[in-house]
PDB file of N, CA and C in Angstrom:
ATOM      1  N   MET A   1      15.364   8.422 -21.434  1.00  0.00           N
ATOM      2  CA  MET A   1      14.308   8.742 -20.485  1.00  0.00           C
ATOM      3  C   MET A   1      14.717  10.010 -19.735  1.00  0.00           C
ATOM      4  N   ASN A   2      13.806  10.961 -19.654  1.00  0.00           N
ATOM      5  CA  ASN A   2      14.144  12.209 -18.973  1.00  0.00           C
ATOM      6  C   ASN A   2      14.006  12.070 -17.460  1.00  0.00           C
ATOM      7  N   GLU A   3      14.475  13.071 -16.747  1.00  0.00           N
ATOM      8  CA  GLU A   3      14.503  13.026 -15.278  1.00  0.00           C
ATOM      9  C   GLU A   3      13.108  12.923 -14.674  1.00  0.00           C
ATOM     10  N   VAL A   4      12.141  13.647 -15.240  1.00  0.00           N
ATOM     11  CA  VAL A   4      10.769  13.608 -14.721  1.00  0.00           C
ATOM     12  C   VAL A   4      10.197  12.192 -14.866  1.00  0.00           C
ATOM     13  N   GLN A   5      10.409  11.569 -16.010  1.00  0.00           N
ATOM     14  CA  GLN A   5       9.903  10.206 -16.235  1.00  0.00           C
ATOM     15  C   GLN A   5      10.577   9.218 -15.296  1.00  0.00           C
ATOM     16  N   GLN A   6      11.882   9.370 -15.065  1.00  0.00           N
ATOM     17  CA  GLN A   6      12.578   8.489 -14.135  1.00  0.00           C
ATOM     18  C   GLN A   6      12.012   8.614 -12.729  1.00  0.00           C
ATOM     19  N   LYS A   7      11.724   9.842 -12.294  1.00  0.00           N
ATOM     20  CA  LYS A   7      11.164  10.070 -10.969  1.00  0.00           C
ATOM     21  C   LYS A   7       9.775   9.444 -10.864  1.00  0.00           C
ATOM     22  N   ARG A   8       8.963   9.591 -11.910  1.00  0.00           N
ATOM     23  CA  ARG A   8       7.622   9.009 -11.923  1.00  0.00           C
ATOM     24  C   ARG A   8       7.717   7.484 -11.816  1.00  0.00           C
ATOM     25  N   ASP A   9       8.643   6.866 -12.572  1.00  0.00           N
ATOM     26  CA  ASP A   9       8.822   5.417 -12.509  1.00  0.00           C
ATOM     27  C   ASP A   9       9.267   4.985 -11.117  1.00  0.00           C
ATOM     28  N   SER A  10      10.142   5.777 -10.496  1.00  0.00           N
ATOM     29  CA  SER A  10      10.618   5.477  -9.148  1.00  0.00           C
ATOM     30  C   SER A  10       9.456   5.521  -8.159  1.00  0.00           C
ATOM     31  N   ASN A  11       8.614   6.528  -8.275  1.00  0.00           N
ATOM     32  CA  ASN A  11       7.455   6.629  -7.389  1.00  0.00           C
ATOM     33  C   ASN A  11       6.468   5.502  -7.647  1.00  0.00           C
ATOM     34  N   ASP A  12       6.296   5.114  -8.895  1.00  0.00           N
ATOM     35  CA  ASP A  12       5.417   3.991  -9.206  1.00  0.00           C
ATOM     36  C   ASP A  12       5.889   2.738  -8.482  1.00  0.00           C
ATOM     37  N   ARG A  13       7.185   2.493  -8.488  1.00  0.00           N
ATOM     38  CA  ARG A  13       7.729   1.323  -7.779  1.00  0.00           C
ATOM     39  C   ARG A  13       7.441   1.422  -6.282  1.00  0.00           C
ATOM     40  N   ARG A  14       7.527   2.615  -5.746  1.00  0.00           N
ATOM     41  CA  ARG A  14       7.242   2.807  -4.319  1.00  0.00           C
ATOM     42  C   ARG A  14       5.781   2.507  -4.004  1.00  0.00           C
ATOM     43  N   TYR A  15       4.879   2.988  -4.849  1.00  0.00           N
ATOM     44  CA  TYR A  15       3.454   2.703  -4.631  1.00  0.00           C
ATOM     45  C   TYR A  15       3.198   1.191  -4.672  1.00  0.00           C
ATOM     46  N   ILE A  16       3.852   0.511  -5.597  1.00  0.00           N
ATOM     47  CA  ILE A  16       3.689  -0.933  -5.708  1.00  0.00           C
ATOM     48  C   ILE A  16       4.211  -1.617  -4.450  1.00  0.00           C
ATOM     49  N   GLU A  17       5.383  -1.186  -3.963  1.00  0.00           N
ATOM     50  CA  GLU A  17       5.939  -1.762  -2.733  1.00  0.00           C
ATOM     51  C   GLU A  17       5.023  -1.540  -1.534  1.00  0.00           C
ATOM     52  N   ILE A  18       4.441  -0.357  -1.439  1.00  0.00           N
ATOM     53  CA  ILE A  18       3.506  -0.077  -0.340  1.00  0.00           C
ATOM     54  C   ILE A  18       2.322  -1.041  -0.416  1.00  0.00           C
ATOM     55  N   GLY A  19       1.784  -1.210  -1.606  1.00  0.00           N
ATOM     56  CA  GLY A  19       0.656  -2.124  -1.787  1.00  0.00           C
ATOM     57  C   GLY A  19       0.997  -3.555  -1.411  1.00  0.00           C
ATOM     58  N   LEU A  20       2.195  -3.993  -1.773  1.00  0.00           N
ATOM     59  CA  LEU A  20       2.621  -5.348  -1.425  1.00  0.00           C
ATOM     60  C   LEU A  20       2.795  -5.505   0.082  1.00  0.00           C
ATOM     61  N   LYS A  21       3.262  -4.465   0.740  1.00  0.00           N
ATOM     62  CA  LYS A  21       3.417  -4.516   2.198  1.00  0.00           C
ATOM     63  C   LYS A  21       2.053  -4.545   2.892  1.00  0.00           C
ATOM     64  N   ILE A  22       1.116  -3.791   2.364  1.00  0.00           N
ATOM     65  CA  ILE A  22      -0.244  -3.830   2.916  1.00  0.00           C
ATOM     66  C   ILE A  22      -0.802  -5.247   2.790  1.00  0.00           C
ATOM     67  N   ALA A  23      -0.632  -5.846   1.614  1.00  0.00           N
ATOM     68  CA  ALA A  23      -1.116  -7.215   1.396  1.00  0.00           C
ATOM     69  C   ALA A  23      -0.428  -8.184   2.352  1.00  0.00           C
ATOM     70  N   TYR A  24       0.865  -8.004   2.575  1.00  0.00           N
ATOM     71  CA  TYR A  24       1.611  -8.865   3.489  1.00  0.00           C
ATOM     72  C   TYR A  24       1.027  -8.807   4.901  1.00  0.00           C
ATOM     73  N   TYR A  25       0.852  -7.604   5.426  1.00  0.00           N
ATOM     74  CA  TYR A  25       0.327  -7.472   6.789  1.00  0.00           C
ATOM     75  C   TYR A  25      -1.121  -7.954   6.891  1.00  0.00           C
ATOM     76  N   ARG A  26      -1.889  -7.734   5.839  1.00  0.00           N
ATOM     77  CA  ARG A  26      -3.278  -8.201   5.834  1.00  0.00           C
ATOM     78  C   ARG A  26      -3.311  -9.723   5.921  1.00  0.00           C
ATOM     79  N   LYS A  27      -2.519 -10.383   5.087  1.00  0.00           N
ATOM     80  CA  LYS A  27      -2.495 -11.847   5.076  1.00  0.00           C
ATOM     81  C   LYS A  27      -1.893 -12.389   6.369  1.00  0.00           C
ATOM     82  N   LEU A  28      -0.864 -11.731   6.880  1.00  0.00           N
ATOM     83  CA  LEU A  28      -0.243 -12.134   8.139  1.00  0.00           C
ATOM     84  C   LEU A  28      -1.269 -12.156   9.270  1.00  0.00           C
ATOM     85  N   ASN A  29      -2.237 -11.254   9.181  1.00  0.00           N
ATOM     86  CA  ASN A  29      -3.282 -11.152  10.195  1.00  0.00           C
ATOM     87  C   ASN A  29      -4.544 -11.931   9.821  1.00  0.00           C
ATOM     88  N   GLY A  30      -4.458 -12.744   8.779  1.00  0.00           N
ATOM     89  CA  GLY A  30      -5.564 -13.627   8.399  1.00  0.00           C
ATOM     90  C   GLY A  30      -6.817 -12.911   7.941  1.00  0.00           C
ATOM     91  N   MET A  31      -6.637 -11.783   7.282  1.00  0.00           N
ATOM     92  CA  MET A  31      -7.794 -10.997   6.842  1.00  0.00           C
ATOM     93  C   MET A  31      -7.958 -11.042   5.328  1.00  0.00           C
ATOM     94  N   THR A  32      -9.201 -10.939   4.889  1.00  0.00           N
ATOM     95  CA  THR A  32      -9.482 -10.777   3.466  1.00  0.00           C
ATOM     96  C   THR A  32      -9.434  -9.288   3.134  1.00  0.00           C
ATOM     97  N   GLN A  33      -9.368  -8.990   1.855  1.00  0.00           N
ATOM     98  CA  GLN A  33      -9.426  -7.587   1.439  1.00  0.00           C
ATOM     99  C   GLN A  33     -10.730  -6.954   1.885  1.00  0.00           C
ATOM    100  N   GLU A  34     -11.804  -7.701   1.795  1.00  0.00           N
ATOM    101  CA  GLU A  34     -13.112  -7.179   2.185  1.00  0.00           C
ATOM    102  C   GLU A  34     -13.144  -6.827   3.669  1.00  0.00           C
ATOM    103  N   GLN A  35     -12.568  -7.689   4.494  1.00  0.00           N
ATOM    104  CA  GLN A  35     -12.547  -7.432   5.934  1.00  0.00           C
ATOM    105  C   GLN A  35     -11.721  -6.193   6.267  1.00  0.00           C
ATOM    106  N   LEU A  36     -10.529  -6.105   5.698  1.00  0.00           N
ATOM    107  CA  LEU A  36      -9.675  -4.944   5.971  1.00  0.00           C
ATOM    108  C   LEU A  36     -10.337  -3.663   5.476  1.00  0.00           C
ATOM    109  N   ALA A  37     -10.866  -3.703   4.273  1.00  0.00           N
ATOM    110  CA  ALA A  37     -11.504  -2.521   3.708  1.00  0.00           C
ATOM    111  C   ALA A  37     -12.648  -2.026   4.591  1.00  0.00           C
ATOM    112  N   GLU A  38     -13.453  -2.954   5.064  1.00  0.00           N
ATOM    113  CA  GLU A  38     -14.585  -2.571   5.913  1.00  0.00           C
ATOM    114  C   GLU A  38     -14.115  -1.951   7.227  1.00  0.00           C
ATOM    115  N   LEU A  39     -13.080  -2.527   7.814  1.00  0.00           N
ATOM    116  CA  LEU A  39     -12.584  -2.025   9.096  1.00  0.00           C
ATOM    117  C   LEU A  39     -12.001  -0.618   9.017  1.00  0.00           C
ATOM    118  N   ILE A  40     -11.427  -0.272   7.858  1.00  0.00           N
ATOM    119  CA  ILE A  40     -10.805   1.060   7.757  1.00  0.00           C
ATOM    120  C   ILE A  40     -11.623   2.035   6.909  1.00  0.00           C
ATOM    121  N   GLY A  41     -12.773   1.582   6.435  1.00  0.00           N
ATOM    122  CA  GLY A  41     -13.686   2.491   5.747  1.00  0.00           C
ATOM    123  C   GLY A  41     -13.340   2.841   4.315  1.00  0.00           C
ATOM    124  N   ILE A  42     -12.798   1.864   3.574  1.00  0.00           N
ATOM    125  CA  ILE A  42     -12.555   2.060   2.146  1.00  0.00           C
ATOM    126  C   ILE A  42     -13.225   0.924   1.395  1.00  0.00           C
ATOM    127  N   SER A  43     -13.303   1.024   0.092  1.00  0.00           N
ATOM    128  CA  SER A  43     -13.922  -0.048  -0.682  1.00  0.00           C
ATOM    129  C   SER A  43     -12.921  -1.172  -0.917  1.00  0.00           C
ATOM    130  N   ALA A  44     -13.433  -2.379  -1.011  1.00  0.00           N
ATOM    131  CA  ALA A  44     -12.586  -3.535  -1.286  1.00  0.00           C
ATOM    132  C   ALA A  44     -11.947  -3.409  -2.672  1.00  0.00           C
ATOM    133  N   GLY A  45     -12.649  -2.799  -3.606  1.00  0.00           N
ATOM    134  CA  GLY A  45     -12.113  -2.597  -4.946  1.00  0.00           C
ATOM    135  C   GLY A  45     -10.892  -1.689  -4.943  1.00  0.00           C
ATOM    136  N   TYR A  46     -10.963  -0.619  -4.166  1.00  0.00           N
ATOM    137  CA  TYR A  46      -9.824   0.295  -4.039  1.00  0.00           C
ATOM    138  C   TYR A  46      -8.646  -0.428  -3.393  1.00  0.00           C
ATOM    139  N   LEU A  47      -8.885  -1.182  -2.320  1.00  0.00           N
ATOM    140  CA  LEU A  47      -7.825  -1.925  -1.657  1.00  0.00           C
ATOM    141  C   LEU A  47      -7.197  -2.924  -2.618  1.00  0.00           C
ATOM    142  N   SER A  48      -8.004  -3.579  -3.411  1.00  0.00           N
ATOM    143  CA  SER A  48      -7.501  -4.520  -4.396  1.00  0.00           C
ATOM    144  C   SER A  48      -6.555  -3.827  -5.371  1.00  0.00           C
ATOM    145  N   GLN A  49      -6.925  -2.633  -5.816  1.00  0.00           N
ATOM    146  CA  GLN A  49      -6.064  -1.878  -6.726  1.00  0.00           C
ATOM    147  C   GLN A  49      -4.750  -1.489  -6.052  1.00  0.00           C
ATOM    148  N   VAL A  50      -4.815  -1.094  -4.796  1.00  0.00           N
ATOM    149  CA  VAL A  50      -3.606  -0.710  -4.057  1.00  0.00           C
ATOM    150  C   VAL A  50      -2.665  -1.904  -3.941  1.00  0.00           C
ATOM    151  N   GLU A  51      -3.205  -3.084  -3.672  1.00  0.00           N
ATOM    152  CA  GLU A  51      -2.389  -4.269  -3.442  1.00  0.00           C
ATOM    153  C   GLU A  51      -1.880  -4.929  -4.716  1.00  0.00           C
ATOM    154  N   THR A  52      -2.466  -4.653  -5.849  1.00  0.00           N
ATOM    155  CA  THR A  52      -2.113  -5.326  -7.096  1.00  0.00           C
ATOM    156  C   THR A  52      -0.875  -4.697  -7.729  1.00  0.00           C
ATOM    157  N   PRO A  53       0.222  -5.464  -7.874  1.00  0.00           N
ATOM    158  CA  PRO A  53       1.451  -4.897  -8.433  1.00  0.00           C
ATOM    159  C   PRO A  53       1.319  -4.448  -9.886  1.00  0.00           C
ATOM    160  N   ALA A  54       0.373  -5.000 -10.615  1.00  0.00           N
ATOM    161  CA  ALA A  54       0.206  -4.630 -12.018  1.00  0.00           C
ATOM    162  C   ALA A  54      -0.514  -3.300 -12.185  1.00  0.00           C
ATOM    163  N   PHE A  55      -1.002  -2.745 -11.091  1.00  0.00           N
ATOM    164  CA  PHE A  55      -1.793  -1.512 -11.141  1.00  0.00           C
ATOM    165  C   PHE A  55      -1.204  -0.525 -10.141  1.00  0.00           C
ATOM    166  N   VAL A  56      -0.744   0.620 -10.628  1.00  0.00           N
ATOM    167  CA  VAL A  56      -0.159   1.623  -9.739  1.00  0.00           C
ATOM    168  C   VAL A  56      -1.278   2.487  -9.167  1.00  0.00           C
ATOM    169  N   GLN A  57      -1.505   2.351  -7.866  1.00  0.00           N
ATOM    170  CA  GLN A  57      -2.564   3.107  -7.201  1.00  0.00           C
ATOM    171  C   GLN A  57      -1.995   3.764  -5.952  1.00  0.00           C
ATOM    172  N   PRO A  58      -1.874   5.093  -5.963  1.00  0.00           N
ATOM    173  CA  PRO A  58      -1.412   5.785  -4.746  1.00  0.00           C
ATOM    174  C   PRO A  58      -2.382   5.548  -3.586  1.00  0.00           C
ATOM    175  N   VAL A  59      -1.830   5.591  -2.389  1.00  0.00           N
ATOM    176  CA  VAL A  59      -2.637   5.406  -1.189  1.00  0.00           C
ATOM    177  C   VAL A  59      -2.472   6.656  -0.324  1.00  0.00           C
ATOM    178  N   SER A  60      -3.560   7.111   0.261  1.00  0.00           N
ATOM    179  CA  SER A  60      -3.494   8.322   1.089  1.00  0.00           C
ATOM    180  C   SER A  60      -2.837   8.020   2.424  1.00  0.00           C
ATOM    181  N   LEU A  61      -2.296   9.043   3.044  1.00  0.00           N
ATOM    182  CA  LEU A  61      -1.723   8.878   4.376  1.00  0.00           C
ATOM    183  C   LEU A  61      -2.798   8.470   5.377  1.00  0.00           C
ATOM    184  N   LYS A  62      -4.002   9.002   5.217  1.00  0.00           N
ATOM    185  CA  LYS A  62      -5.104   8.643   6.107  1.00  0.00           C
ATOM    186  C   LYS A  62      -5.338   7.130   6.077  1.00  0.00           C
ATOM    187  N   THR A  63      -5.356   6.561   4.886  1.00  0.00           N
ATOM    188  CA  THR A  63      -5.551   5.120   4.733  1.00  0.00           C
ATOM    189  C   THR A  63      -4.361   4.355   5.284  1.00  0.00           C
ATOM    190  N   LEU A  64      -3.166   4.822   4.966  1.00  0.00           N
ATOM    191  CA  LEU A  64      -1.955   4.157   5.449  1.00  0.00           C
ATOM    192  C   LEU A  64      -1.887   4.161   6.972  1.00  0.00           C
ATOM    193  N   PHE A  65      -2.228   5.292   7.587  1.00  0.00           N
ATOM    194  CA  PHE A  65      -2.226   5.374   9.052  1.00  0.00           C
ATOM    195  C   PHE A  65      -3.266   4.431   9.658  1.00  0.00           C
ATOM    196  N   ALA A  66      -4.435   4.344   9.037  1.00  0.00           N
ATOM    197  CA  ALA A  66      -5.487   3.453   9.544  1.00  0.00           C
ATOM    198  C   ALA A  66      -5.030   1.995   9.492  1.00  0.00           C
ATOM    199  N   ILE A  67      -4.369   1.624   8.416  1.00  0.00           N
ATOM    200  CA  ILE A  67      -3.877   0.250   8.280  1.00  0.00           C
ATOM    201  C   ILE A  67      -2.780  -0.017   9.311  1.00  0.00           C
ATOM    202  N   ALA A  68      -1.849   0.907   9.439  1.00  0.00           N
ATOM    203  CA  ALA A  68      -0.760   0.749  10.412  1.00  0.00           C
ATOM    204  C   ALA A  68      -1.315   0.622  11.827  1.00  0.00           C
ATOM    205  N   ASP A  69      -2.272   1.459  12.174  1.00  0.00           N
ATOM    206  CA  ASP A  69      -2.879   1.399  13.514  1.00  0.00           C
ATOM    207  C   ASP A  69      -3.582   0.068  13.737  1.00  0.00           C
ATOM    208  N   LEU A  70      -4.310  -0.387  12.749  1.00  0.00           N
ATOM    209  CA  LEU A  70      -5.040  -1.644  12.870  1.00  0.00           C
ATOM    210  C   LEU A  70      -4.092  -2.821  13.114  1.00  0.00           C
ATOM    211  N   PHE A  71      -2.956  -2.816  12.421  1.00  0.00           N
ATOM    212  CA  PHE A  71      -2.002  -3.915  12.539  1.00  0.00           C
ATOM    213  C   PHE A  71      -0.923  -3.660  13.589  1.00  0.00           C
ATOM    214  N   HIS A  72      -1.029  -2.540  14.293  1.00  0.00           N
ATOM    215  CA  HIS A  72      -0.090  -2.197  15.373  1.00  0.00           C
ATOM    216  C   HIS A  72       1.365  -2.181  14.899  1.00  0.00           C
ATOM    217  N   VAL A  73       1.569  -1.542  13.736  1.00  0.00           N
ATOM    218  CA  VAL A  73       2.925  -1.346  13.230  1.00  0.00           C
ATOM    219  C   VAL A  73       3.112   0.146  12.954  1.00  0.00           C
ATOM    220  N   PRO A  74       4.325   0.640  13.050  1.00  0.00           N
ATOM    221  CA  PRO A  74       4.531   2.054  12.731  1.00  0.00           C
ATOM    222  C   PRO A  74       4.300   2.302  11.245  1.00  0.00           C
ATOM    223  N   PRO A  75       3.694   3.417  10.896  1.00  0.00           N
ATOM    224  CA  PRO A  75       3.460   3.723   9.481  1.00  0.00           C
ATOM    225  C   PRO A  75       4.747   3.686   8.650  1.00  0.00           C
ATOM    226  N   SER A  76       5.865   3.967   9.298  1.00  0.00           N
ATOM    227  CA  SER A  76       7.139   3.981   8.571  1.00  0.00           C
ATOM    228  C   SER A  76       7.476   2.620   7.968  1.00  0.00           C
ATOM    229  N   LYS A  77       6.935   1.538   8.521  1.00  0.00           N
ATOM    230  CA  LYS A  77       7.183   0.200   7.966  1.00  0.00           C
ATOM    231  C   LYS A  77       6.761   0.113   6.504  1.00  0.00           C
ATOM    232  N   PHE A  78       5.727   0.862   6.158  1.00  0.00           N
ATOM    233  CA  PHE A  78       5.226   0.831   4.787  1.00  0.00           C
ATOM    234  C   PHE A  78       6.040   1.723   3.843  1.00  0.00           C
ATOM    235  N   LEU A  79       6.893   2.560   4.431  1.00  0.00           N
ATOM    236  CA  LEU A  79       7.644   3.531   3.648  1.00  0.00           C
ATOM    237  C   LEU A  79       9.151   3.243   3.619  1.00  0.00           C
ATOM    238  N   GLU A  80       9.523   2.033   4.018  1.00  0.00           N
ATOM    239  CA  GLU A  80      10.918   1.615   3.929  1.00  0.00           C
ATOM    240  C   GLU A  80      11.111   0.929   2.590  1.00  0.00           C
ATOM    241  N   PHE A  81      12.025   1.486   1.773  1.00  0.00           N
ATOM    242  CA  PHE A  81      12.225   0.975   0.420  1.00  0.00           C
ATOM    243  C   PHE A  81      13.667   0.525   0.226  1.00  0.00           C
ATOM    244  N   GLU A  82      13.825  -0.502  -0.581  1.00  0.00           N
ATOM    245  CA  GLU A  82      15.149  -0.957  -0.984  1.00  0.00           C
ATOM    246  C   GLU A  82      15.728   0.072  -1.941  1.00  0.00           C
ATOM    247  N   GLU A  83      17.002   0.321  -1.819  1.00  0.00           N
ATOM    248  CA  GLU A  83      17.666   1.257  -2.749  1.00  0.00           C
ATOM    249  C   GLU A  83      17.694   0.636  -4.129  1.00  0.00           C
ATOM    250  N   GLN A  84      17.451   1.464  -5.118  1.00  0.00           N
ATOM    251  CA  GLN A  84      17.454   0.993  -6.515  1.00  0.00           C
ATOM    252  C   GLN A  84      18.790   1.280  -7.156  1.00  0.00           C
TER     253      GLN A  84
END
């Protein structure tokens, strides 16, 4: 595997981790995907893709900031990754 492919795989894992953290905070706050999506102005389908580990879906900073603000957590919480 070349260096570019390794970096892409590493970023894919990060996107998946971000999605799982979003799902964690959403569930912790007793919200459905539809409710969260409506509150931050995105589609429930897009949020579903972001949260699904089987599907790598990048999330914009605008969306990440909106989610962090809604749940009263620093955006950095979503960007803390375990070392591989």
